[in-house]
N, C-alpha and C. Protein backbone atom coordinates (compact mmCIF):
# COMPACT_ATOMS: atom_id res chain seq x y z
N UNK A 1 44.22 158.19 88.19
CA UNK A 1 44.17 157.86 86.74
C UNK A 1 44.20 156.34 86.38
N UNK A 2 43.34 155.87 85.59
CA UNK A 2 43.13 154.32 85.33
C UNK A 2 43.44 154.46 83.70
N UNK A 3 44.57 153.54 83.45
CA UNK A 3 44.75 153.32 81.85
C UNK A 3 44.35 152.06 81.55
N UNK A 4 43.68 151.80 80.42
CA UNK A 4 43.18 150.63 79.83
C UNK A 4 43.75 150.48 78.52
N UNK A 5 44.42 149.23 78.36
CA UNK A 5 45.19 148.90 77.05
C UNK A 5 44.39 147.94 76.20
N UNK A 6 44.24 148.12 74.91
CA UNK A 6 43.61 146.90 74.19
C UNK A 6 44.40 146.84 73.16
N UNK A 7 44.43 145.55 72.42
CA UNK A 7 44.96 145.02 71.15
C UNK A 7 43.88 145.60 69.90
N UNK A 8 44.28 146.31 69.13
CA UNK A 8 43.51 146.53 67.99
C UNK A 8 44.18 145.96 66.79
N UNK A 9 43.98 144.46 66.48
CA UNK A 9 44.41 143.94 65.54
C UNK A 9 44.33 144.71 64.20
N UNK A 10 43.31 145.12 63.79
CA UNK A 10 42.96 145.52 62.29
C UNK A 10 43.90 146.68 62.35
N UNK A 11 44.44 147.48 63.11
CA UNK A 11 44.91 148.67 62.98
C UNK A 11 46.31 148.42 63.10
N UNK A 12 46.69 147.00 63.63
CA UNK A 12 48.10 146.69 64.10
C UNK A 12 48.85 147.49 64.99
N UNK A 13 47.98 147.84 66.23
CA UNK A 13 48.60 148.46 67.33
C UNK A 13 47.73 148.23 68.41
N UNK A 14 48.31 148.71 69.80
CA UNK A 14 47.88 148.70 71.07
C UNK A 14 47.32 149.94 71.27
N UNK A 15 46.12 150.15 71.82
CA UNK A 15 45.63 151.46 72.00
C UNK A 15 45.49 151.74 73.49
N UNK A 16 45.78 152.90 74.06
CA UNK A 16 45.44 153.13 75.57
C UNK A 16 44.59 154.13 75.69
N UNK A 17 43.61 153.87 76.64
CA UNK A 17 42.49 154.87 76.90
C UNK A 17 42.63 155.22 78.40
N UNK A 18 42.46 156.53 78.79
CA UNK A 18 42.42 156.87 80.17
C UNK A 18 41.07 157.19 80.93
N UNK A 19 40.83 156.58 81.90
CA UNK A 19 39.64 156.86 82.61
C UNK A 19 38.39 156.60 82.07
N UNK A 20 38.25 155.68 81.22
CA UNK A 20 37.24 155.19 80.54
C UNK A 20 36.71 155.97 79.15
N UNK A 21 37.63 157.00 78.92
CA UNK A 21 37.22 158.00 77.80
C UNK A 21 37.40 157.09 76.46
N UNK A 22 36.60 157.78 75.39
CA UNK A 22 36.70 157.01 74.16
C UNK A 22 37.97 157.33 73.46
N UNK A 23 38.57 158.62 73.73
CA UNK A 23 39.67 159.00 73.12
C UNK A 23 40.82 158.25 73.30
N UNK A 24 41.78 158.10 72.34
CA UNK A 24 42.94 157.35 72.35
C UNK A 24 44.04 158.10 72.71
N UNK A 25 44.62 157.78 74.05
CA UNK A 25 45.70 158.55 74.82
C UNK A 25 47.09 158.07 74.20
N UNK A 26 47.21 156.89 73.70
CA UNK A 26 48.58 156.60 73.10
C UNK A 26 48.42 155.24 72.40
N UNK A 27 49.30 155.13 71.51
CA UNK A 27 49.29 153.73 70.78
C UNK A 27 50.65 153.44 70.71
N UNK A 28 50.69 151.96 70.40
CA UNK A 28 51.95 151.24 70.33
C UNK A 28 51.91 150.32 68.80
N UNK A 29 52.38 150.78 67.69
CA UNK A 29 52.31 149.99 66.38
C UNK A 29 53.19 148.83 66.23
N UNK A 30 52.74 147.58 65.77
CA UNK A 30 53.67 146.50 65.79
C UNK A 30 53.30 145.88 64.54
N UNK A 31 54.21 145.03 64.09
CA UNK A 31 54.06 144.08 63.04
C UNK A 31 54.18 142.63 63.76
N UNK A 32 53.40 142.05 63.43
CA UNK A 32 53.27 140.47 64.00
C UNK A 32 53.30 139.48 62.93
N UNK A 33 54.06 138.45 63.37
CA UNK A 33 54.30 137.10 62.50
C UNK A 33 53.61 136.09 63.56
N UNK A 34 53.77 134.62 63.16
CA UNK A 34 53.43 133.63 64.14
C UNK A 34 54.47 133.56 65.30
N UNK A 35 55.65 133.86 65.04
CA UNK A 35 56.69 133.71 65.98
C UNK A 35 57.17 135.02 66.58
N UNK A 36 56.82 136.10 66.19
CA UNK A 36 57.51 137.38 66.71
C UNK A 36 56.49 138.63 66.48
N UNK A 37 56.66 139.32 67.25
CA UNK A 37 55.96 140.80 67.18
C UNK A 37 57.25 141.87 67.52
N UNK A 38 57.13 142.74 66.26
CA UNK A 38 58.36 143.95 66.42
C UNK A 38 57.34 145.05 66.47
N UNK A 39 57.78 145.78 67.65
CA UNK A 39 57.14 147.09 68.09
C UNK A 39 57.92 148.27 67.50
N UNK A 40 57.24 148.95 66.68
CA UNK A 40 58.14 149.98 65.80
C UNK A 40 58.00 151.24 66.11
N UNK A 41 56.70 151.70 66.93
CA UNK A 41 56.52 153.10 67.17
C UNK A 41 55.51 153.13 68.35
N UNK A 42 55.87 153.89 69.17
CA UNK A 42 55.02 154.28 70.35
C UNK A 42 54.56 155.73 70.36
N UNK A 43 53.36 156.21 70.58
CA UNK A 43 53.21 157.61 70.71
C UNK A 43 52.21 157.65 71.68
N UNK A 44 52.40 158.77 72.48
CA UNK A 44 51.47 159.22 73.62
C UNK A 44 50.99 160.67 73.44
N UNK A 45 49.83 161.15 73.46
CA UNK A 45 49.40 162.18 73.34
C UNK A 45 50.03 163.38 74.39
N UNK A 46 50.27 164.41 74.05
CA UNK A 46 51.01 165.62 74.81
C UNK A 46 50.17 165.60 76.42
N UNK A 47 49.16 165.56 76.29
CA UNK A 47 48.34 165.80 77.71
C UNK A 47 48.55 164.65 78.67
N UNK A 48 49.13 163.55 77.84
CA UNK A 48 49.18 162.37 78.98
C UNK A 48 50.72 161.83 78.94
N UNK A 49 51.46 162.52 78.46
CA UNK A 49 53.13 162.47 78.67
C UNK A 49 53.37 162.45 80.13
N UNK A 50 54.12 161.37 80.58
CA UNK A 50 54.95 161.27 81.80
C UNK A 50 53.82 160.92 83.00
N UNK A 51 52.58 160.25 82.46
CA UNK A 51 51.61 159.90 83.36
C UNK A 51 51.42 158.40 83.43
N UNK A 52 52.37 157.70 82.96
CA UNK A 52 52.19 156.11 82.76
C UNK A 52 51.51 155.50 81.66
N UNK A 53 51.09 156.11 80.69
CA UNK A 53 50.69 155.72 79.55
C UNK A 53 51.40 154.83 78.56
N UNK A 54 52.68 155.31 78.43
CA UNK A 54 53.42 154.46 77.56
C UNK A 54 54.05 153.24 78.37
N UNK A 55 54.09 153.35 79.58
CA UNK A 55 54.72 152.26 80.27
C UNK A 55 53.18 151.18 80.52
N UNK A 56 52.18 151.61 80.45
CA UNK A 56 50.99 150.81 80.46
C UNK A 56 50.97 150.10 79.13
N UNK A 57 51.15 150.74 78.03
CA UNK A 57 51.21 150.09 76.53
C UNK A 57 52.19 149.11 76.45
N UNK A 58 53.48 149.26 77.10
CA UNK A 58 54.69 148.51 76.75
C UNK A 58 54.25 147.15 77.87
N UNK A 59 53.88 147.22 78.85
CA UNK A 59 53.59 146.19 79.63
C UNK A 59 52.59 145.23 79.54
N UNK A 60 51.48 146.00 78.95
CA UNK A 60 50.41 145.03 78.50
C UNK A 60 50.71 144.33 77.38
N UNK A 61 51.41 144.89 76.42
CA UNK A 61 51.83 144.33 75.11
C UNK A 61 52.76 143.28 75.31
N UNK A 62 53.88 143.32 76.27
CA UNK A 62 54.81 142.49 76.45
C UNK A 62 54.04 141.15 77.21
N UNK A 63 53.26 141.54 78.15
CA UNK A 63 52.60 140.33 78.85
C UNK A 63 51.71 139.58 77.80
N UNK A 64 51.15 140.17 76.88
CA UNK A 64 50.40 139.32 75.98
C UNK A 64 51.35 138.52 74.91
N UNK A 65 52.44 139.13 74.50
CA UNK A 65 53.37 138.64 73.90
C UNK A 65 54.04 137.33 74.69
N UNK A 66 54.13 137.37 75.88
CA UNK A 66 54.57 136.29 76.63
C UNK A 66 53.54 135.33 76.42
N UNK A 67 52.38 135.53 76.70
CA UNK A 67 51.16 134.79 77.02
C UNK A 67 50.88 133.88 75.58
N UNK A 68 51.35 134.77 74.43
CA UNK A 68 51.12 133.93 73.04
C UNK A 68 52.52 133.33 72.73
N UNK A 69 53.34 133.15 73.55
CA UNK A 69 54.67 132.70 73.17
C UNK A 69 55.45 133.12 72.25
N UNK A 70 55.28 134.50 71.98
CA UNK A 70 55.96 135.26 71.02
C UNK A 70 57.20 136.11 71.30
N UNK A 71 58.37 135.93 70.59
CA UNK A 71 59.37 136.88 70.92
C UNK A 71 59.16 138.21 70.51
N UNK A 72 60.03 139.10 70.95
CA UNK A 72 59.88 140.67 70.89
C UNK A 72 61.11 141.25 70.22
N UNK A 73 60.86 141.82 68.99
CA UNK A 73 62.07 142.64 68.47
C UNK A 73 61.36 144.21 68.96
N UNK A 74 62.23 144.81 69.63
CA UNK A 74 62.00 146.26 70.04
C UNK A 74 62.68 147.28 69.19
N UNK A 75 62.17 147.70 68.11
CA UNK A 75 62.91 148.49 67.07
C UNK A 75 62.43 149.99 67.62
N UNK A 76 61.29 150.17 68.43
CA UNK A 76 60.96 151.47 68.87
C UNK A 76 61.82 151.94 69.99
N UNK A 77 62.65 152.87 69.97
CA UNK A 77 63.43 153.17 71.21
C UNK A 77 62.75 153.23 72.40
N UNK A 78 61.34 153.77 72.49
CA UNK A 78 60.63 153.67 73.80
C UNK A 78 60.75 152.26 74.37
N UNK A 79 60.42 151.32 73.54
CA UNK A 79 60.25 149.70 74.01
C UNK A 79 61.41 149.35 74.14
N UNK A 80 62.52 149.72 73.44
CA UNK A 80 63.72 149.17 73.90
C UNK A 80 64.43 149.71 75.17
N UNK A 81 63.97 151.04 75.38
CA UNK A 81 64.74 151.89 76.76
C UNK A 81 63.97 150.99 77.83
N UNK A 82 62.61 150.87 77.69
CA UNK A 82 61.79 150.34 78.70
C UNK A 82 62.13 149.11 79.33
N UNK A 83 62.51 148.17 78.19
CA UNK A 83 62.82 146.75 78.50
C UNK A 83 64.10 146.74 79.22
N UNK A 84 65.15 147.65 78.66
CA UNK A 84 66.44 147.57 79.57
C UNK A 84 66.37 147.94 80.69
N UNK A 85 65.28 148.66 81.32
CA UNK A 85 65.27 149.34 82.76
C UNK A 85 64.24 148.15 83.33
N UNK A 86 63.83 146.98 82.67
CA UNK A 86 62.76 146.19 83.35
C UNK A 86 63.24 144.54 83.05
N UNK A 87 64.39 144.31 83.80
CA UNK A 87 64.96 143.00 83.50
C UNK A 87 64.12 141.84 83.20
N UNK A 88 62.94 141.80 83.94
CA UNK A 88 62.10 140.66 84.04
C UNK A 88 61.30 140.42 82.55
N UNK A 89 61.54 141.31 81.62
CA UNK A 89 61.04 141.19 80.27
C UNK A 89 62.02 140.92 79.26
N UNK A 90 63.35 141.05 79.68
CA UNK A 90 64.42 140.85 78.74
C UNK A 90 64.52 139.42 78.19
N UNK A 91 63.95 138.47 78.74
CA UNK A 91 63.84 137.08 78.10
C UNK A 91 62.97 136.78 76.79
N UNK A 92 62.23 138.06 76.58
CA UNK A 92 61.18 138.03 75.56
C UNK A 92 62.13 138.35 74.22
N UNK A 93 63.06 139.16 74.38
CA UNK A 93 63.74 139.71 73.18
C UNK A 93 64.34 138.94 72.31
N UNK A 94 64.05 138.90 71.00
CA UNK A 94 64.41 138.19 69.85
C UNK A 94 65.93 138.09 69.59
N UNK A 95 66.37 136.92 69.65
CA UNK A 95 67.97 136.82 69.34
C UNK A 95 68.08 136.07 67.94
N UNK A 96 68.80 136.68 67.16
CA UNK A 96 69.14 136.12 65.80
C UNK A 96 69.70 134.82 66.02
N UNK A 97 69.34 133.71 65.32
CA UNK A 97 70.23 132.58 65.57
C UNK A 97 70.80 132.25 64.23
N UNK A 98 70.77 133.03 63.25
CA UNK A 98 71.68 132.89 62.11
C UNK A 98 73.16 132.88 62.19
N UNK A 99 73.75 131.83 61.36
CA UNK A 99 75.19 131.60 61.76
C UNK A 99 75.85 131.96 60.27
N UNK A 100 75.21 132.64 59.37
CA UNK A 100 75.66 133.15 58.29
C UNK A 100 76.52 134.26 58.35
N UNK A 101 77.75 134.39 57.75
CA UNK A 101 78.53 135.45 57.74
C UNK A 101 79.21 135.72 56.45
N UNK A 102 79.62 136.76 56.23
CA UNK A 102 80.23 137.32 54.82
C UNK A 102 81.46 136.60 54.64
């Protein structure tokens, strides 16, 4: 099974397709600024769950964030869990630099 992931900036999401089919097998929705990309929701169609579609979405989007020199805010539980299991991507995580306190 070949998973192809592409950015659909107009829809603010990455889309995964399997074996050259037109149907979207999974999506990763994001909010992007000039410094940061926040991944807010990931969804994979039931028929493709457990077949690597979600991992392909995360890996491709994080590789593109790295190439664009963007920090990553993983608010989506799937993203945060995946990054926790793949330490080679943890350097991308956004760290708040604010020193403001109450």
